[in-house]
Amino acid sequence: MRSHELRDGGFSAEFSIEEHDSAGVTEIQFYLPDTFPSQQLAIAAATQAGRQKIDVGFERGAMIGNGERRKNEDQPT
């Protein structure tokens, strides 16, 4: 979970989900479109959104359109 302070004083939020398998680790990043009045609220929203993504059944490739897919090349294959 990450948050960033915006120029207007609000905060943005993002999170990533990692999938580990025999091919290595795939990380998918997600950005929340909302602006939050505090860093605490931004982190809470990112945490909730991440849990929801996992709860609906994270499958390889299922969420590519919602985030950035990045293969972690540092993991052994």
Protein backbone atom coordinates (compact mmCIF):
# COMPACT_ATOMS: atom_id res chain seq x y z
CA MET A 1 0.00 0.00 0.00
CA ARG A 2 1.29 3.41 -0.87
CA SER A 3 -0.07 6.93 -0.76
CA HIS A 4 1.23 10.13 -2.26
CA GLU A 5 0.49 13.69 -1.24
CA LEU A 6 -1.03 15.68 -4.09
CA ARG A 7 -0.42 19.34 -4.86
CA ASP A 8 -3.90 20.28 -3.59
CA GLY A 9 -3.14 18.68 -0.22
CA GLY A 10 -5.15 15.50 -0.77
CA PHE A 11 -3.69 12.03 -1.11
CA SER A 12 -3.78 9.39 -3.81
CA ALA A 13 -3.53 5.68 -3.09
CA GLU A 14 -2.20 2.60 -4.83
CA PHE A 15 -1.55 -1.02 -4.01
CA SER A 16 0.00 -4.06 -5.61
CA ILE A 17 -0.74 -7.76 -5.49
CA GLU A 18 1.93 -10.40 -5.98
CA GLU A 19 1.29 -13.84 -7.42
CA HIS A 20 3.93 -16.48 -6.70
CA ASP A 21 4.18 -19.59 -8.86
CA SER A 22 6.81 -21.89 -10.35
CA ALA A 23 7.63 -19.25 -13.01
CA GLY A 24 8.49 -16.65 -10.36
CA VAL A 25 6.64 -13.63 -9.03
CA THR A 26 4.19 -11.45 -10.93
CA GLU A 27 3.30 -8.09 -9.40
CA ILE A 28 0.25 -6.15 -10.56
CA GLN A 29 -0.14 -2.54 -9.47
CA PHE A 30 -3.49 -0.80 -9.01
CA TYR A 31 -4.22 2.90 -8.65
CA LEU A 32 -7.35 4.15 -6.94
CA PRO A 33 -9.04 6.94 -8.91
CA ASP A 34 -10.25 8.77 -5.78
CA THR A 35 -8.53 11.53 -3.82
CA PHE A 36 -8.49 11.22 -0.04
CA PRO A 37 -8.32 14.00 2.56
CA SER A 38 -5.69 12.21 4.66
CA GLN A 39 -2.91 9.69 4.23
CA GLN A 40 -4.61 7.42 6.76
CA LEU A 41 -7.83 7.32 4.71
CA ALA A 42 -5.86 6.70 1.50
CA ILE A 43 -4.03 3.71 3.03
CA ALA A 44 -7.29 2.33 4.48
CA ALA A 45 -8.98 2.55 1.06
CA ALA A 46 -6.03 0.85 -0.66
CA THR A 47 -6.07 -1.92 1.95
CA GLN A 48 -9.80 -2.49 1.45
CA ALA A 49 -9.49 -2.45 -2.36
CA GLY A 50 -6.61 -4.94 -2.22
CA ARG A 51 -8.58 -7.30 -0.01
CA GLN A 52 -11.56 -7.08 -2.36
CA LYS A 53 -9.38 -7.93 -5.38
CA ILE A 54 -8.00 -10.98 -3.59
CA ASP A 55 -11.41 -12.05 -2.27
CA VAL A 56 -12.97 -12.15 -5.75
CA GLY A 57 -10.32 -14.65 -6.82
CA PHE A 58 -7.00 -13.36 -8.05
CA GLU A 59 -6.03 -15.28 -11.17
CA ARG A 60 -3.07 -14.70 -13.43
CA GLY A 61 -4.13 -12.30 -16.15
CA ALA A 62 -7.57 -11.65 -14.70
CA MET A 63 -6.79 -8.07 -13.68
CA ILE A 64 -4.35 -6.86 -16.33
CA GLY A 65 -6.75 -4.20 -17.55
CA ASN A 66 -7.00 -2.69 -14.08
CA GLY A 67 -3.33 -2.42 -13.32
CA GLU A 68 0.20 -2.66 -14.56
CA ARG A 69 1.58 -6.17 -14.92
CA ARG A 70 5.25 -6.46 -14.13
CA LYS A 71 7.27 -9.68 -13.98
CA ASN A 72 9.84 -9.66 -11.20
CA GLU A 73 13.00 -10.68 -13.02
CA ASP A 74 14.96 -11.04 -9.78
CA GLN A 75 13.13 -14.24 -8.83
CA PRO A 76 14.50 -17.60 -10.00
CA THR A 77 12.56 -19.27 -12.80
